[in-house]
Amino acid sequence: MITIGIKDIIDIILVALLLFYIYKLMKRSYAANIFTGIIIFIIAWILVSQVFNMRLLGTIFDKLVSMGVIALVIVFQEEIRRFFSTIGTRRSNIFRFLGRKHRQQASHEDIMPIVLACKKMSDDRVGALIVIERAVGLRDFISSGEEIDAKINNSLIQNIFFKNSPLHDGAMIIRGQRIVAAGCILPVSHDSEIPKSLGLRHRSALGISEKSDALAIIVSEETGNISLAQDGKFKLKVTPDELETALAEE
């Protein structure tokens, strides 16, 4: 007779939450279908080996599982990196919260130039992509562009994204109170749920938000709409007031 105790119930719940959390991280990439296939394979393996006790087929499944661990690490290396990066980010946010009030007061003068520049570029239909670095470092992406290291300035932001500027096609990255680089190349999201009306800037913004905890601001060249991308999700058609609030919170 099989007895199930409180510990077993907690174990099952924790495993279910872990699988759901992993799937949530992967669902916006091509790996989601692979992950679903793996779950189905594991269920079939348990049924064959533990429930029906099919020795021959169970042995074959056991060999596949033992060899498949290395293959899974290779296939899911990006997702595994994102998983541990997210855990580290949550830990860092605890310490960030302790000094949050002081940073909001000190950074208000840095927020407004970004908001005013985005509003002006929105009115003039000038495309822009601005990435705000948070706990996860963006060193690799910064090195792909031109390092600037300048104080956040309304006019400088507009000049960089001016249509004839050599850096207007890439992304600007802001760290703390400085514009550290422009013309940066970002990873492009392959999420199939992205609306067809959104272009490369939006896909790049979503891509960097999937690989880090950065906040990305997009100004559409076609519509002039301001959008935000964070944690692999979009917030479209943001007003300047909403943008100011989002930056103050982050």
Protein backbone atom coordinates (compact mmCIF):
# COMPACT_ATOMS: atom_id res chain seq x y z
CA MET A 1 0.00 0.00 0.00
CA ILE A 2 1.34 3.38 -1.01
CA THR A 3 1.05 6.14 1.61
CA ILE A 4 1.38 9.80 0.76
CA GLY A 5 2.40 12.15 3.54
CA ILE A 6 2.65 15.92 3.89
CA LYS A 7 6.29 15.81 2.82
CA ASP A 8 5.34 14.03 -0.43
CA ILE A 9 2.62 16.57 -1.19
CA ILE A 10 5.05 19.45 -0.61
CA ASP A 11 7.61 17.69 -2.81
CA ILE A 12 5.10 17.31 -5.65
CA ILE A 13 4.00 20.94 -5.38
CA LEU A 14 7.61 22.21 -5.42
CA VAL A 15 8.46 20.10 -8.47
CA ALA A 16 5.32 21.35 -10.25
CA LEU A 17 6.21 24.96 -9.44
CA LEU A 18 9.78 24.43 -10.63
CA LEU A 19 8.62 22.94 -13.94
CA PHE A 20 6.10 25.75 -14.40
CA TYR A 21 8.74 28.37 -13.67
CA ILE A 22 11.19 26.81 -16.14
CA TYR A 23 8.48 26.59 -18.80
CA LYS A 24 7.56 30.23 -18.18
CA LEU A 25 11.17 31.24 -18.85
CA MET A 26 11.26 29.21 -22.06
CA LYS A 27 7.82 29.85 -23.49
CA ARG A 28 8.95 32.93 -25.41
CA SER A 29 11.63 31.04 -27.32
CA TYR A 30 11.89 28.09 -29.66
CA ALA A 31 12.93 25.95 -26.68
CA ALA A 32 9.37 25.83 -25.31
CA ASN A 33 8.35 23.09 -27.76
CA ILE A 34 11.48 21.08 -26.95
CA PHE A 35 10.78 21.43 -23.23
CA THR A 36 7.20 20.16 -23.73
CA GLY A 37 8.53 17.17 -25.67
CA ILE A 38 10.98 16.39 -22.87
CA ILE A 39 8.18 16.45 -20.26
CA ILE A 40 6.16 14.01 -22.38
CA PHE A 41 9.22 11.75 -22.71
CA ILE A 42 9.81 11.80 -18.93
CA ILE A 43 6.17 10.86 -18.27
CA ALA A 44 6.44 7.98 -20.77
CA TRP A 45 9.74 6.88 -19.14
CA ILE A 46 8.14 6.81 -15.66
CA LEU A 47 5.13 4.84 -16.94
CA VAL A 48 7.31 2.30 -18.74
CA SER A 49 9.93 1.86 -16.00
CA GLN A 50 7.98 2.34 -12.77
CA VAL A 51 4.31 1.61 -13.49
CA PHE A 52 4.29 -1.13 -16.13
CA ASN A 53 7.80 -2.49 -15.34
CA MET A 54 8.72 -3.05 -18.99
CA ARG A 55 12.35 -4.05 -18.54
CA LEU A 56 13.60 -3.97 -22.13
CA LEU A 57 11.92 -0.71 -23.11
CA GLY A 58 12.72 0.72 -19.70
CA THR A 59 16.42 -0.09 -20.15
CA ILE A 60 16.43 1.69 -23.52
CA PHE A 61 14.77 4.74 -21.95
CA ASP A 62 17.29 4.67 -19.09
CA LYS A 63 20.20 4.77 -21.56
CA LEU A 64 18.60 7.64 -23.48
CA VAL A 65 18.13 9.61 -20.27
CA SER A 66 21.73 9.07 -19.12
CA MET A 67 23.11 10.23 -22.49
CA GLY A 68 20.54 12.98 -22.91
CA VAL A 69 21.67 15.03 -19.90
CA ILE A 70 24.71 16.38 -21.74
CA ALA A 71 22.62 17.04 -24.84
CA LEU A 72 20.09 19.00 -22.77
CA VAL A 73 22.81 21.22 -21.31
CA ILE A 74 23.96 22.05 -24.85
CA VAL A 75 20.44 22.64 -26.19
CA PHE A 76 19.28 24.70 -23.21
CA GLN A 77 22.51 26.53 -22.40
CA GLU A 78 20.94 29.94 -23.03
CA GLU A 79 17.86 29.11 -20.97
CA ILE A 80 19.96 27.68 -18.13
CA ARG A 81 22.03 30.86 -18.09
CA ARG A 82 18.85 32.95 -18.00
CA PHE A 83 17.43 30.79 -15.18
CA PHE A 84 20.40 31.35 -12.85
CA SER A 85 20.66 34.97 -13.94
CA THR A 86 17.04 35.50 -12.89
CA ILE A 87 17.68 33.90 -9.49
CA GLY A 88 20.67 36.19 -8.97
CA THR A 89 18.61 39.18 -10.05
CA ARG A 90 15.92 38.45 -7.46
CA ARG A 91 18.62 38.33 -4.78
CA SER A 92 20.10 41.61 -5.97
CA ASN A 93 16.67 43.28 -5.92
CA ILE A 94 16.48 42.70 -2.15
CA PHE A 95 19.56 44.87 -1.65
CA ARG A 96 18.38 47.36 -4.29
CA PHE A 97 15.12 47.80 -2.37
CA LEU A 98 16.98 48.83 0.81
CA GLY A 99 18.34 51.97 -0.88
CA ARG A 100 15.43 52.58 -3.21
CA LYS A 101 14.12 55.80 -1.67
CA HIS A 102 17.51 57.51 -1.81
CA ARG A 103 18.07 56.54 -5.45
CA GLN A 104 14.66 57.81 -6.55
CA GLN A 105 15.36 61.25 -5.08
CA ALA A 106 18.85 61.41 -6.55
CA SER A 107 17.93 60.17 -10.02
CA HIS A 108 14.94 62.40 -10.78
CA GLU A 109 17.17 64.85 -12.65
CA ASP A 110 18.42 61.95 -14.78
CA ILE A 111 14.93 60.66 -15.54
CA MET A 112 13.48 63.83 -17.03
CA PRO A 113 16.03 64.21 -19.88
CA ILE A 114 15.11 60.69 -21.03
CA VAL A 115 11.38 61.39 -20.80
CA LEU A 116 11.65 64.76 -22.59
CA ALA A 117 13.87 63.30 -25.33
CA CYS A 118 11.45 60.41 -25.92
CA LYS A 119 8.49 62.80 -26.06
CA LYS A 120 10.25 65.02 -28.60
CA MET A 121 11.34 62.05 -30.73
CA SER A 122 7.81 60.67 -30.54
CA ASP A 123 6.38 63.96 -31.82
CA ASP A 124 8.95 64.09 -34.64
CA ARG A 125 8.61 60.37 -35.52
CA VAL A 126 12.27 59.67 -34.82
CA GLY A 127 13.01 56.01 -34.03
CA ALA A 128 14.96 55.24 -30.86
CA LEU A 129 15.93 52.34 -28.62
CA ILE A 130 17.20 53.11 -25.11
CA VAL A 131 18.21 50.36 -22.67
CA ILE A 132 18.46 50.99 -18.93
CA GLU A 133 20.90 48.59 -17.28
CA ARG A 134 19.81 47.21 -13.90
CA ALA A 135 21.24 44.35 -11.81
CA VAL A 136 22.39 42.19 -14.74
CA GLY A 137 25.41 43.70 -16.47
CA LEU A 138 25.31 44.45 -20.21
CA ARG A 139 29.07 44.60 -20.81
CA ASP A 140 28.98 42.32 -23.88
CA PHE A 141 26.34 44.47 -25.57
CA ILE A 142 28.08 47.71 -24.60
CA SER A 143 31.26 46.51 -26.30
CA SER A 144 29.32 45.96 -29.54
CA GLY A 145 28.70 49.71 -29.91
CA GLU A 146 30.58 52.97 -29.50
CA GLU A 147 31.45 53.85 -25.93
CA ILE A 148 30.38 57.37 -24.97
CA ASP A 149 30.46 57.76 -21.15
CA ALA A 150 28.53 61.02 -20.99
CA LYS A 151 26.04 62.49 -18.56
CA ILE A 152 22.40 61.86 -19.46
CA ASN A 153 21.35 64.80 -21.60
CA ASN A 154 18.19 65.54 -23.57
CA SER A 155 19.97 67.08 -26.57
CA LEU A 156 22.61 64.35 -26.69
CA ILE A 157 19.97 61.62 -26.80
CA GLN A 158 18.14 63.35 -29.64
CA ASN A 159 21.35 63.94 -31.59
CA ILE A 160 22.39 60.30 -31.33
CA PHE A 161 19.03 59.10 -32.71
CA PHE A 162 18.82 61.81 -35.38
CA LYS A 163 18.14 60.13 -38.74
CA ASN A 164 21.48 61.11 -40.25
CA SER A 165 23.50 60.11 -37.19
CA PRO A 166 25.78 57.07 -37.71
CA LEU A 167 24.59 55.64 -34.36
CA HIS A 168 20.83 56.04 -34.78
CA ASP A 169 20.19 52.44 -35.88
CA GLY A 170 21.64 50.81 -32.76
CA ALA A 171 20.65 50.89 -29.12
CA MET A 172 21.74 53.38 -26.48
CA ILE A 173 22.67 51.84 -23.11
CA ILE A 174 22.40 53.81 -19.88
CA ARG A 175 24.09 52.69 -16.68
CA GLY A 176 23.31 54.61 -13.53
CA GLN A 177 23.62 58.30 -14.33
CA ARG A 178 25.68 57.91 -17.51
CA ILE A 179 25.10 57.15 -21.17
CA VAL A 180 27.79 54.50 -21.56
CA ALA A 181 27.37 53.50 -25.22
CA ALA A 182 25.32 53.94 -28.41
CA GLY A 183 24.93 52.04 -31.65
CA CYS A 184 24.88 48.78 -29.68
CA ILE A 185 23.72 45.50 -31.20
CA LEU A 186 21.10 43.63 -29.19
CA PRO A 187 19.79 40.06 -29.44
CA VAL A 188 16.58 39.73 -31.44
CA SER A 189 13.62 37.95 -29.85
CA HIS A 190 12.13 35.04 -31.77
CA ASP A 191 8.84 35.14 -29.90
CA SER A 192 6.12 34.15 -32.37
CA GLU A 193 3.52 36.18 -30.45
CA ILE A 194 5.09 39.54 -31.31
CA PRO A 195 2.61 41.48 -33.47
CA LYS A 196 3.65 41.70 -37.13
CA SER A 197 3.27 45.48 -36.98
CA LEU A 198 6.25 45.78 -34.63
CA GLY A 199 9.67 46.08 -36.24
CA LEU A 200 13.29 45.22 -35.46
CA ARG A 201 13.64 47.79 -32.67
CA HIS A 202 10.79 46.17 -30.75
CA ARG A 203 12.18 42.68 -31.32
CA SER A 204 15.60 43.80 -30.12
CA ALA A 205 14.09 45.47 -27.05
CA LEU A 206 12.18 42.31 -26.19
CA GLY A 207 15.31 40.24 -26.84
CA ILE A 208 17.42 42.18 -24.31
CA SER A 209 14.58 42.03 -21.77
CA GLU A 210 14.49 38.24 -22.16
CA LYS A 211 18.23 37.86 -21.55
CA SER A 212 18.52 40.38 -18.71
CA ASP A 213 16.49 42.45 -16.27
CA ALA A 214 17.05 45.61 -18.31
CA LEU A 215 14.27 48.08 -19.10
CA ALA A 216 14.11 48.97 -22.80
CA ILE A 217 12.38 52.06 -24.19
CA ILE A 218 11.30 52.06 -27.84
CA VAL A 219 10.15 55.02 -29.90
CA SER A 220 8.52 53.90 -33.13
CA GLU A 221 9.68 55.68 -36.28
CA GLU A 222 6.45 54.73 -38.11
CA THR A 223 3.84 55.63 -35.48
CA GLY A 224 5.71 57.73 -32.92
CA ASN A 225 4.39 55.48 -30.14
CA ILE A 226 6.52 54.98 -27.03
CA SER A 227 6.72 51.40 -25.71
CA LEU A 228 8.48 49.56 -22.90
CA ALA A 229 9.94 46.06 -22.81
CA GLN A 230 10.78 44.33 -19.54
CA ASP A 231 10.92 40.72 -18.34
CA GLY A 232 10.09 39.49 -21.84
CA LYS A 233 6.88 41.52 -22.06
CA PHE A 234 5.74 44.65 -23.88
CA LYS A 235 3.86 47.65 -22.60
CA LEU A 236 2.74 49.43 -25.76
CA LYS A 237 1.63 53.02 -26.33
CA VAL A 238 3.06 54.48 -23.14
CA THR A 239 2.46 58.14 -22.34
CA PRO A 240 5.34 60.39 -21.19
CA ASP A 241 3.84 60.42 -17.67
CA GLU A 242 3.71 56.62 -17.61
CA LEU A 243 7.29 56.48 -18.87
CA GLU A 244 8.42 58.82 -16.06
CA THR A 245 6.66 56.64 -13.50
CA ALA A 246 8.23 53.45 -14.87
CA LEU A 247 11.72 54.96 -14.79
CA ALA A 248 11.22 56.27 -11.25
CA GLU A 249 10.15 52.83 -10.04
CA GLU A 250 13.16 51.15 -11.66
